[in-house]
Amino acid sequence: MKTLMISVLAALATTASAQTLRAPIGPQKPVRAMPTPPPITVRPEVQGVVPRAFRGGNPLQMLNPGAPARYGTGEQSLAYNPFTGRYDQIKLFEIVF
């Protein structure tokens, strides 16, 4: 038993003395730049009369009943009241999440 313990201690002593405590000198591996993460949220869509007038190009066409379809309909700018069943409000700004 004593010989086994002495041989184990001798093995540990030789492995412990073989280690060096010096930092490596010279060129190191280049550090890779991390890629930019994707955006967490997408910018919310803004709708309503005022943003649509700025995006549409000609805001007077929003008042024209014979305007082309690319200017949209009047129902897109109105808020529906579920209690009365009528359109009774104009959406100036609307943020859609």
PDB file of N, CA and C in Angstrom:
ATOM      1  N   MET A   1       0.828  -1.188   0.000  1.00  0.00           N
ATOM      2  CA  MET A   1       0.000   0.000   0.000  1.00  0.00           C
ATOM      3  C   MET A   1       0.872   1.252   0.000  1.00  0.00           C
ATOM      4  N   LYS A   2       1.978   1.202   0.785  1.00  0.00           N
ATOM      5  CA  LYS A   2       2.872   2.347   0.830  1.00  0.00           C
ATOM      6  C   LYS A   2       3.537   2.568  -0.514  1.00  0.00           C
ATOM      7  N   THR A   3       3.863   1.522  -1.189  1.00  0.00           N
ATOM      8  CA  THR A   3       4.527   1.682  -2.488  1.00  0.00           C
ATOM      9  C   THR A   3       3.562   2.258  -3.525  1.00  0.00           C
ATOM     10  N   LEU A   4       2.307   1.859  -3.448  1.00  0.00           N
ATOM     11  CA  LEU A   4       1.314   2.406  -4.364  1.00  0.00           C
ATOM     12  C   LEU A   4       1.124   3.903  -4.116  1.00  0.00           C
ATOM     13  N   MET A   5       1.068   4.284  -2.863  1.00  0.00           N
ATOM     14  CA  MET A   5       0.882   5.690  -2.524  1.00  0.00           C
ATOM     15  C   MET A   5       2.102   6.507  -2.935  1.00  0.00           C
ATOM     16  N   ILE A   6       3.279   5.974  -2.765  1.00  0.00           N
ATOM     17  CA  ILE A   6       4.497   6.690  -3.155  1.00  0.00           C
ATOM     18  C   ILE A   6       4.557   6.848  -4.667  1.00  0.00           C
ATOM     19  N   SER A   7       4.145   5.832  -5.412  1.00  0.00           N
ATOM     20  CA  SER A   7       4.178   5.928  -6.871  1.00  0.00           C
ATOM     21  C   SER A   7       3.141   6.929  -7.388  1.00  0.00           C
ATOM     22  N   VAL A   8       1.985   7.004  -6.731  1.00  0.00           N
ATOM     23  CA  VAL A   8       0.966   7.981  -7.125  1.00  0.00           C
ATOM     24  C   VAL A   8       1.460   9.390  -6.832  1.00  0.00           C
ATOM     25  N   LEU A   9       2.063   9.603  -5.681  1.00  0.00           N
ATOM     26  CA  LEU A   9       2.591  10.921  -5.339  1.00  0.00           C
ATOM     27  C   LEU A   9       3.723  11.316  -6.278  1.00  0.00           C
ATOM     28  N   ALA A  10       4.548  10.360  -6.667  1.00  0.00           N
ATOM     29  CA  ALA A  10       5.639  10.654  -7.590  1.00  0.00           C
ATOM     30  C   ALA A  10       5.074  11.034  -8.965  1.00  0.00           C
ATOM     31  N   ALA A  11       4.028  10.360  -9.393  1.00  0.00           N
ATOM     32  CA  ALA A  11       3.416  10.676 -10.692  1.00  0.00           C
ATOM     33  C   ALA A  11       2.796  12.069 -10.663  1.00  0.00           C
ATOM     34  N   LEU A  12       2.134  12.412  -9.591  1.00  0.00           N
ATOM     35  CA  LEU A  12       1.546  13.742  -9.466  1.00  0.00           C
ATOM     36  C   LEU A  12       2.620  14.819  -9.420  1.00  0.00           C
ATOM     37  N   ALA A  13       3.724  14.545  -8.767  1.00  0.00           N
ATOM     38  CA  ALA A  13       4.803  15.533  -8.647  1.00  0.00           C
ATOM     39  C   ALA A  13       5.433  15.783 -10.013  1.00  0.00           C
ATOM     40  N   THR A  14       5.589  14.763 -10.834  1.00  0.00           N
ATOM     41  CA  THR A  14       6.214  14.965 -12.148  1.00  0.00           C
ATOM     42  C   THR A  14       5.267  15.716 -13.096  1.00  0.00           C
ATOM     43  N   THR A  15       3.977  15.448 -13.021  1.00  0.00           N
ATOM     44  CA  THR A  15       3.042  16.169 -13.901  1.00  0.00           C
ATOM     45  C   THR A  15       2.878  17.608 -13.439  1.00  0.00           C
ATOM     46  N   ALA A  16       2.953  17.855 -12.157  1.00  0.00           N
ATOM     47  CA  ALA A  16       2.802  19.216 -11.657  1.00  0.00           C
ATOM     48  C   ALA A  16       4.022  20.057 -12.006  1.00  0.00           C
ATOM     49  N   SER A  17       5.196  19.470 -12.011  1.00  0.00           N
ATOM     50  CA  SER A  17       6.394  20.244 -12.306  1.00  0.00           C
ATOM     51  C   SER A  17       6.558  20.478 -13.804  1.00  0.00           C
ATOM     52  N   ALA A  18       5.842  19.757 -14.663  1.00  0.00           N
ATOM     53  CA  ALA A  18       5.969  19.923 -16.107  1.00  0.00           C
ATOM     54  C   ALA A  18       5.173  21.117 -16.614  1.00  0.00           C
ATOM     55  N   GLN A  19       4.274  21.652 -15.815  1.00  0.00           N
ATOM     56  CA  GLN A  19       3.460  22.768 -16.268  1.00  0.00           C
ATOM     57  C   GLN A  19       4.231  24.076 -16.138  1.00  0.00           C
ATOM     58  N   THR A  20       4.010  24.973 -17.111  1.00  0.00           N
ATOM     59  CA  THR A  20       4.641  26.288 -17.048  1.00  0.00           C
ATOM     60  C   THR A  20       3.561  27.336 -16.807  1.00  0.00           C
ATOM     61  N   LEU A  21       3.962  28.423 -16.214  1.00  0.00           N
ATOM     62  CA  LEU A  21       3.028  29.480 -15.894  1.00  0.00           C
ATOM     63  C   LEU A  21       3.297  30.722 -16.739  1.00  0.00           C
ATOM     64  N   ARG A  22       3.849  30.566 -17.938  1.00  0.00           N
ATOM     65  CA  ARG A  22       4.183  31.695 -18.786  1.00  0.00           C
ATOM     66  C   ARG A  22       3.117  31.871 -19.852  1.00  0.00           C
ATOM     67  N   ALA A  23       2.807  33.103 -20.165  1.00  0.00           N
ATOM     68  CA  ALA A  23       1.845  33.400 -21.213  1.00  0.00           C
ATOM     69  C   ALA A  23       2.512  33.217 -22.576  1.00  0.00           C
ATOM     70  N   PRO A  24       1.761  32.790 -23.574  1.00  0.00           N
ATOM     71  CA  PRO A  24       2.362  32.620 -24.899  1.00  0.00           C
ATOM     72  C   PRO A  24       2.737  33.976 -25.506  1.00  0.00           C
ATOM     73  N   ILE A  25       3.882  34.000 -26.183  1.00  0.00           N
ATOM     74  CA  ILE A  25       4.370  35.221 -26.807  1.00  0.00           C
ATOM     75  C   ILE A  25       4.303  35.024 -28.319  1.00  0.00           C
ATOM     76  N   GLY A  26       3.851  36.049 -29.018  1.00  0.00           N
ATOM     77  CA  GLY A  26       3.783  35.970 -30.468  1.00  0.00           C
ATOM     78  C   GLY A  26       2.369  36.222 -30.951  1.00  0.00           C
ATOM     79  N   PRO A  27       2.169  36.049 -32.252  1.00  0.00           N
ATOM     80  CA  PRO A  27       0.848  36.349 -32.796  1.00  0.00           C
ATOM     81  C   PRO A  27      -0.198  35.351 -32.304  1.00  0.00           C
ATOM     82  N   GLN A  28      -1.312  35.883 -31.963  1.00  0.00           N
ATOM     83  CA  GLN A  28      -2.422  35.061 -31.493  1.00  0.00           C
ATOM     84  C   GLN A  28      -3.425  34.904 -32.633  1.00  0.00           C
ATOM     85  N   LYS A  29      -4.401  34.045 -32.436  1.00  0.00           N
ATOM     86  CA  LYS A  29      -5.466  33.885 -33.416  1.00  0.00           C
ATOM     87  C   LYS A  29      -6.259  35.181 -33.501  1.00  0.00           C
ATOM     88  N   PRO A  30      -6.656  35.594 -34.702  1.00  0.00           N
ATOM     89  CA  PRO A  30      -7.465  36.815 -34.783  1.00  0.00           C
ATOM     90  C   PRO A  30      -8.845  36.579 -34.195  1.00  0.00           C
ATOM     91  N   VAL A  31      -9.336  37.594 -33.538  1.00  0.00           N
ATOM     92  CA  VAL A  31     -10.651  37.524 -32.930  1.00  0.00           C
ATOM     93  C   VAL A  31     -11.680  37.894 -33.991  1.00  0.00           C
ATOM     94  N   ARG A  32     -12.656  37.022 -34.198  1.00  0.00           N
ATOM     95  CA  ARG A  32     -13.687  37.288 -35.205  1.00  0.00           C
ATOM     96  C   ARG A  32     -14.684  38.291 -34.650  1.00  0.00           C
ATOM     97  N   ALA A  33     -15.101  39.201 -35.510  1.00  0.00           N
ATOM     98  CA  ALA A  33     -16.131  40.153 -35.125  1.00  0.00           C
ATOM     99  C   ALA A  33     -17.479  39.437 -35.137  1.00  0.00           C
ATOM    100  N   MET A  34     -18.270  39.680 -34.118  1.00  0.00           N
ATOM    101  CA  MET A  34     -19.582  39.044 -34.049  1.00  0.00           C
ATOM    102  C   MET A  34     -20.517  39.712 -35.041  1.00  0.00           C
ATOM    103  N   PRO A  35     -21.334  38.935 -35.730  1.00  0.00           N
ATOM    104  CA  PRO A  35     -22.279  39.549 -36.661  1.00  0.00           C
ATOM    105  C   PRO A  35     -23.345  40.332 -35.898  1.00  0.00           C
ATOM    106  N   THR A  36     -23.865  41.352 -36.552  1.00  0.00           N
ATOM    107  CA  THR A  36     -24.897  42.147 -35.899  1.00  0.00           C
ATOM    108  C   THR A  36     -26.170  41.328 -35.780  1.00  0.00           C
ATOM    109  N   PRO A  37     -26.807  41.357 -34.638  1.00  0.00           N
ATOM    110  CA  PRO A  37     -28.026  40.568 -34.462  1.00  0.00           C
ATOM    111  C   PRO A  37     -29.175  41.188 -35.248  1.00  0.00           C
ATOM    112  N   PRO A  38     -30.151  40.394 -35.605  1.00  0.00           N
ATOM    113  CA  PRO A  38     -31.298  40.950 -36.318  1.00  0.00           C
ATOM    114  C   PRO A  38     -32.091  41.871 -35.396  1.00  0.00           C
ATOM    115  N   PRO A  39     -32.843  42.795 -35.962  1.00  0.00           N
ATOM    116  CA  PRO A  39     -33.620  43.702 -35.105  1.00  0.00           C
ATOM    117  C   PRO A  39     -34.662  42.933 -34.308  1.00  0.00           C
ATOM    118  N   ILE A  40     -34.850  43.354 -33.072  1.00  0.00           N
ATOM    119  CA  ILE A  40     -35.780  42.654 -32.188  1.00  0.00           C
ATOM    120  C   ILE A  40     -37.212  42.879 -32.646  1.00  0.00           C
ATOM    121  N   THR A  41     -37.543  44.099 -32.923  1.00  0.00           N
ATOM    122  CA  THR A  41     -38.893  44.396 -33.384  1.00  0.00           C
ATOM    123  C   THR A  41     -38.818  45.167 -34.677  1.00  0.00           C
ATOM    124  N   VAL A  42     -39.818  45.010 -35.457  1.00  0.00           N
ATOM    125  CA  VAL A  42     -39.927  45.756 -36.694  1.00  0.00           C
ATOM    126  C   VAL A  42     -40.672  47.049 -36.386  1.00  0.00           C
ATOM    127  N   ARG A  43     -40.298  48.081 -37.060  1.00  0.00           N
ATOM    128  CA  ARG A  43     -40.940  49.378 -36.833  1.00  0.00           C
ATOM    129  C   ARG A  43     -42.445  49.245 -37.070  1.00  0.00           C
ATOM    130  N   PRO A  44     -43.272  49.724 -36.150  1.00  0.00           N
ATOM    131  CA  PRO A  44     -44.719  49.606 -36.332  1.00  0.00           C
ATOM    132  C   PRO A  44     -45.185  50.433 -37.526  1.00  0.00           C
ATOM    133  N   GLU A  45     -46.189  49.907 -38.190  1.00  0.00           N
ATOM    134  CA  GLU A  45     -46.722  50.574 -39.375  1.00  0.00           C
ATOM    135  C   GLU A  45     -47.625  51.727 -38.948  1.00  0.00           C
ATOM    136  N   VAL A  46     -47.418  52.890 -39.554  1.00  0.00           N
ATOM    137  CA  VAL A  46     -48.224  54.066 -39.239  1.00  0.00           C
ATOM    138  C   VAL A  46     -49.206  54.278 -40.383  1.00  0.00           C
ATOM    139  N   GLN A  47     -50.476  54.361 -40.031  1.00  0.00           N
ATOM    140  CA  GLN A  47     -51.528  54.587 -41.013  1.00  0.00           C
ATOM    141  C   GLN A  47     -52.361  55.773 -40.582  1.00  0.00           C
ATOM    142  N   GLY A  48     -53.303  56.135 -41.390  1.00  0.00           N
ATOM    143  CA  GLY A  48     -54.195  57.241 -41.067  1.00  0.00           C
ATOM    144  C   GLY A  48     -54.211  58.258 -42.183  1.00  0.00           C
ATOM    145  N   VAL A  49     -54.949  59.327 -41.971  1.00  0.00           N
ATOM    146  CA  VAL A  49     -55.134  60.344 -43.001  1.00  0.00           C
ATOM    147  C   VAL A  49     -53.850  61.134 -43.250  1.00  0.00           C
ATOM    148  N   VAL A  50     -53.209  61.600 -42.200  1.00  0.00           N
ATOM    149  CA  VAL A  50     -52.037  62.461 -42.354  1.00  0.00           C
ATOM    150  C   VAL A  50     -50.858  61.710 -42.980  1.00  0.00           C
ATOM    151  N   PRO A  51     -50.465  60.518 -42.495  1.00  0.00           N
ATOM    152  CA  PRO A  51     -49.360  59.808 -43.149  1.00  0.00           C
ATOM    153  C   PRO A  51     -49.681  59.415 -44.593  1.00  0.00           C
ATOM    154  N   ARG A  52     -50.926  59.070 -44.858  1.00  0.00           N
ATOM    155  CA  ARG A  52     -51.307  58.700 -46.214  1.00  0.00           C
ATOM    156  C   ARG A  52     -51.253  59.908 -47.140  1.00  0.00           C
ATOM    157  N   ALA A  53     -51.559  61.095 -46.630  1.00  0.00           N
ATOM    158  CA  ALA A  53     -51.469  62.306 -47.449  1.00  0.00           C
ATOM    159  C   ALA A  53     -50.020  62.615 -47.814  1.00  0.00           C
ATOM    160  N   PHE A  54     -49.097  62.400 -46.875  1.00  0.00           N
ATOM    161  CA  PHE A  54     -47.685  62.651 -47.173  1.00  0.00           C
ATOM    162  C   PHE A  54     -47.118  61.600 -48.114  1.00  0.00           C
ATOM    163  N   ARG A  55     -47.524  60.348 -47.975  1.00  0.00           N
ATOM    164  CA  ARG A  55     -47.019  59.274 -48.830  1.00  0.00           C
ATOM    165  C   ARG A  55     -47.633  59.289 -50.224  1.00  0.00           C
ATOM    166  N   GLY A  56     -48.880  59.723 -50.329  1.00  0.00           N
ATOM    167  CA  GLY A  56     -49.612  59.607 -51.585  1.00  0.00           C
ATOM    168  C   GLY A  56     -49.142  60.515 -52.689  1.00  0.00           C
ATOM    169  N   GLY A  57     -48.499  61.597 -52.384  1.00  0.00           N
ATOM    170  CA  GLY A  57     -48.030  62.503 -53.407  1.00  0.00           C
ATOM    171  C   GLY A  57     -48.961  63.698 -53.603  1.00  0.00           C
ATOM    172  N   ASN A  58     -50.231  63.478 -53.829  1.00  0.00           N
ATOM    173  CA  ASN A  58     -51.196  64.556 -54.045  1.00  0.00           C
ATOM    174  C   ASN A  58     -52.325  64.405 -53.023  1.00  0.00           C
ATOM    175  N   PRO A  59     -52.271  65.123 -51.889  1.00  0.00           N
ATOM    176  CA  PRO A  59     -53.276  64.932 -50.847  1.00  0.00           C
ATOM    177  C   PRO A  59     -54.685  65.379 -51.248  1.00  0.00           C
ATOM    178  N   LEU A  60     -54.809  66.231 -52.255  1.00  0.00           N
ATOM    179  CA  LEU A  60     -56.136  66.663 -52.687  1.00  0.00           C
ATOM    180  C   LEU A  60     -56.910  65.529 -53.363  1.00  0.00           C
ATOM    181  N   GLN A  61     -56.197  64.530 -53.863  1.00  0.00           N
ATOM    182  CA  GLN A  61     -56.876  63.393 -54.490  1.00  0.00           C
ATOM    183  C   GLN A  61     -57.623  62.549 -53.450  1.00  0.00           C
ATOM    184  N   MET A  62     -57.283  62.703 -52.182  1.00  0.00           N
ATOM    185  CA  MET A  62     -58.009  61.968 -51.138  1.00  0.00           C
ATOM    186  C   MET A  62     -59.435  62.498 -50.999  1.00  0.00           C
ATOM    187  N   LEU A  63     -59.673  63.736 -51.399  1.00  0.00           N
ATOM    188  CA  LEU A  63     -61.009  64.324 -51.331  1.00  0.00           C
ATOM    189  C   LEU A  63     -61.816  64.102 -52.609  1.00  0.00           C
ATOM    190  N   ASN A  64     -61.138  63.698 -53.671  1.00  0.00           N
ATOM    191  CA  ASN A  64     -61.773  63.528 -54.970  1.00  0.00           C
ATOM    192  C   ASN A  64     -62.490  62.171 -55.029  1.00  0.00           C
ATOM    193  N   PRO A  65     -63.810  62.133 -55.240  1.00  0.00           N
ATOM    194  CA  PRO A  65     -64.505  60.849 -55.318  1.00  0.00           C
ATOM    195  C   PRO A  65     -64.156  60.062 -56.580  1.00  0.00           C
ATOM    196  N   GLY A  66     -63.652  60.721 -57.617  1.00  0.00           N
ATOM    197  CA  GLY A  66     -63.282  60.021 -58.850  1.00  0.00           C
ATOM    198  C   GLY A  66     -61.791  59.755 -58.951  1.00  0.00           C
ATOM    199  N   ALA A  67     -61.089  59.749 -57.834  1.00  0.00           N
ATOM    200  CA  ALA A  67     -59.643  59.548 -57.838  1.00  0.00           C
ATOM    201  C   ALA A  67     -59.304  58.100 -58.195  1.00  0.00           C
ATOM    202  N   PRO A  68     -58.119  57.860 -58.734  1.00  0.00           N
ATOM    203  CA  PRO A  68     -57.712  56.482 -59.034  1.00  0.00           C
ATOM    204  C   PRO A  68     -57.638  55.625 -57.773  1.00  0.00           C
ATOM    205  N   ALA A  69     -57.655  54.311 -57.980  1.00  0.00           N
ATOM    206  CA  ALA A  69     -57.685  53.371 -56.852  1.00  0.00           C
ATOM    207  C   ALA A  69     -56.417  53.407 -56.017  1.00  0.00           C
ATOM    208  N   ARG A  70     -55.314  53.889 -56.563  1.00  0.00           N
ATOM    209  CA  ARG A  70     -54.060  53.894 -55.779  1.00  0.00           C
ATOM    210  C   ARG A  70     -54.119  54.877 -54.611  1.00  0.00           C
ATOM    211  N   TYR A  71     -55.062  55.808 -54.612  1.00  0.00           N
ATOM    212  CA  TYR A  71     -55.224  56.738 -53.495  1.00  0.00           C
ATOM    213  C   TYR A  71     -56.085  56.155 -52.384  1.00  0.00           C
ATOM    214  N   GLY A  72     -56.667  54.982 -52.577  1.00  0.00           N
ATOM    215  CA  GLY A  72     -57.443  54.316 -51.547  1.00  0.00           C
ATOM    216  C   GLY A  72     -58.876  54.793 -51.481  1.00  0.00           C
ATOM    217  N   THR A  73     -59.616  54.215 -50.545  1.00  0.00           N
ATOM    218  CA  THR A  73     -61.023  54.580 -50.361  1.00  0.00           C
ATOM    219  C   THR A  73     -61.176  55.375 -49.071  1.00  0.00           C
ATOM    220  N   GLY A  74     -62.331  55.976 -48.918  1.00  0.00           N
ATOM    221  CA  GLY A  74     -62.598  56.750 -47.707  1.00  0.00           C
ATOM    222  C   GLY A  74     -62.772  55.876 -46.484  1.00  0.00           C
ATOM    223  N   GLU A  75     -63.164  54.624 -46.675  1.00  0.00           N
ATOM    224  CA  GLU A  75     -63.373  53.728 -45.532  1.00  0.00           C
ATOM    225  C   GLU A  75     -62.072  53.377 -44.820  1.00  0.00           C
ATOM    226  N   GLN A  76     -60.955  53.522 -45.495  1.00  0.00           N
ATOM    227  CA  GLN A  76     -59.670  53.247 -44.856  1.00  0.00           C
ATOM    228  C   GLN A  76     -59.346  54.275 -43.777  1.00  0.00           C
ATOM    229  N   SER A  77     -59.929  55.442 -43.861  1.00  0.00           N
ATOM    230  CA  SER A  77     -59.615  56.523 -42.929  1.00  0.00           C
ATOM    231  C   SER A  77     -60.668  56.721 -41.862  1.00  0.00           C
ATOM    232  N   LEU A  78     -61.697  55.872 -41.837  1.00  0.00           N
ATOM    233  CA  LEU A  78     -62.773  56.030 -40.861  1.00  0.00           C
ATOM    234  C   LEU A  78     -62.734  54.916 -39.822  1.00  0.00           C
ATOM    235  N   ALA A  79     -63.163  55.254 -38.609  1.00  0.00           N
ATOM    236  CA  ALA A  79     -63.224  54.278 -37.521  1.00  0.00           C
ATOM    237  C   ALA A  79     -64.666  53.830 -37.343  1.00  0.00           C
ATOM    238  N   TYR A  80     -64.859  52.537 -37.298  1.00  0.00           N
ATOM    239  CA  TYR A  80     -66.185  51.935 -37.166  1.00  0.00           C
ATOM    240  C   TYR A  80     -66.538  51.817 -35.688  1.00  0.00           C
ATOM    241  N   ASN A  81     -67.728  52.261 -35.304  1.00  0.00           N
ATOM    242  CA  ASN A  81     -68.213  52.153 -33.936  1.00  0.00           C
ATOM    243  C   ASN A  81     -69.098  50.908 -33.847  1.00  0.00           C
ATOM    244  N   PRO A  82     -68.673  49.870 -33.127  1.00  0.00           N
ATOM    245  CA  PRO A  82     -69.466  48.636 -33.093  1.00  0.00           C
ATOM    246  C   PRO A  82     -70.785  48.775 -32.327  1.00  0.00           C
ATOM    247  N   PHE A  83     -70.922  49.781 -31.460  1.00  0.00           N
ATOM    248  CA  PHE A  83     -72.154  49.933 -30.679  1.00  0.00           C
ATOM    249  C   PHE A  83     -73.277  50.558 -31.507  1.00  0.00           C
ATOM    250  N   THR A  84     -72.932  51.528 -32.333  1.00  0.00           N
ATOM    251  CA  THR A  84     -73.960  52.183 -33.141  1.00  0.00           C
ATOM    252  C   THR A  84     -74.052  51.607 -34.544  1.00  0.00           C
ATOM    253  N   GLY A  85     -72.997  50.948 -35.017  1.00  0.00           N
ATOM    254  CA  GLY A  85     -72.997  50.377 -36.361  1.00  0.00           C
ATOM    255  C   GLY A  85     -72.699  51.378 -37.447  1.00  0.00           C
ATOM    256  N   ARG A  86     -72.109  52.514 -37.088  1.00  0.00           N
ATOM    257  CA  ARG A  86     -71.810  53.551 -38.072  1.00  0.00           C
ATOM    258  C   ARG A  86     -70.336  53.931 -37.992  1.00  0.00           C
ATOM    259  N   TYR A  87     -69.879  54.573 -39.066  1.00  0.00           N
ATOM    260  CA  TYR A  87     -68.552  55.182 -39.063  1.00  0.00           C
ATOM    261  C   TYR A  87     -68.707  56.577 -38.476  1.00  0.00           C
ATOM    262  N   ASP A  88     -68.038  56.863 -37.378  1.00  0.00           N
ATOM    263  CA  ASP A  88     -68.253  58.160 -36.750  1.00  0.00           C
ATOM    264  C   ASP A  88     -66.964  58.893 -36.365  1.00  0.00           C
ATOM    265  N   GLN A  89     -65.793  58.355 -36.715  1.00  0.00           N
ATOM    266  CA  GLN A  89     -64.543  59.011 -36.357  1.00  0.00           C
ATOM    267  C   GLN A  89     -63.578  58.927 -37.533  1.00  0.00           C
ATOM    268  N   ILE A  90     -62.715  59.922 -37.644  1.00  0.00           N
ATOM    269  CA  ILE A  90     -61.668  59.918 -38.670  1.00  0.00           C
ATOM    270  C   ILE A  90     -60.350  59.574 -37.990  1.00  0.00           C
ATOM    271  N   LYS A  91     -59.621  58.617 -38.562  1.00  0.00           N
ATOM    272  CA  LYS A  91     -58.326  58.208 -38.020  1.00  0.00           C
ATOM    273  C   LYS A  91     -57.238  59.116 -38.600  1.00  0.00           C
ATOM    274  N   LEU A  92     -56.804  60.089 -37.805  1.00  0.00           N
ATOM    275  CA  LEU A  92     -55.727  60.945 -38.274  1.00  0.00           C
ATOM    276  C   LEU A  92     -54.396  60.212 -38.251  1.00  0.00           C
ATOM    277  N   PHE A  93     -54.080  59.553 -37.127  1.00  0.00           N
ATOM    278  CA  PHE A  93     -52.891  58.727 -36.984  1.00  0.00           C
ATOM    279  C   PHE A  93     -53.309  57.396 -36.405  1.00  0.00           C
ATOM    280  N   GLU A  94     -52.760  56.319 -36.951  1.00  0.00           N
ATOM    281  CA  GLU A  94     -53.045  54.981 -36.446  1.00  0.00           C
ATOM    282  C   GLU A  94     -51.747  54.203 -36.475  1.00  0.00           C
ATOM    283  N   ILE A  95     -51.414  53.581 -35.354  1.00  0.00           N
ATOM    284  CA  ILE A  95     -50.201  52.760 -35.272  1.00  0.00           C
ATOM    285  C   ILE A  95     -50.638  51.308 -35.163  1.00  0.00           C
ATOM    286  N   VAL A  96     -50.228  50.507 -36.136  1.00  0.00           N
ATOM    287  CA  VAL A  96     -50.611  49.097 -36.189  1.00  0.00           C
ATOM    288  C   VAL A  96     -49.426  48.267 -35.709  1.00  0.00           C
ATOM    289  N   PHE A  97     -49.642  47.431 -34.697  1.00  0.00           N
ATOM    290  CA  PHE A  97     -48.575  46.582 -34.146  1.00  0.00           C
ATOM    291  C   PHE A  97     -48.622  45.235 -34.777  1.00  0.00           C
TER     292      PHE A  97
END
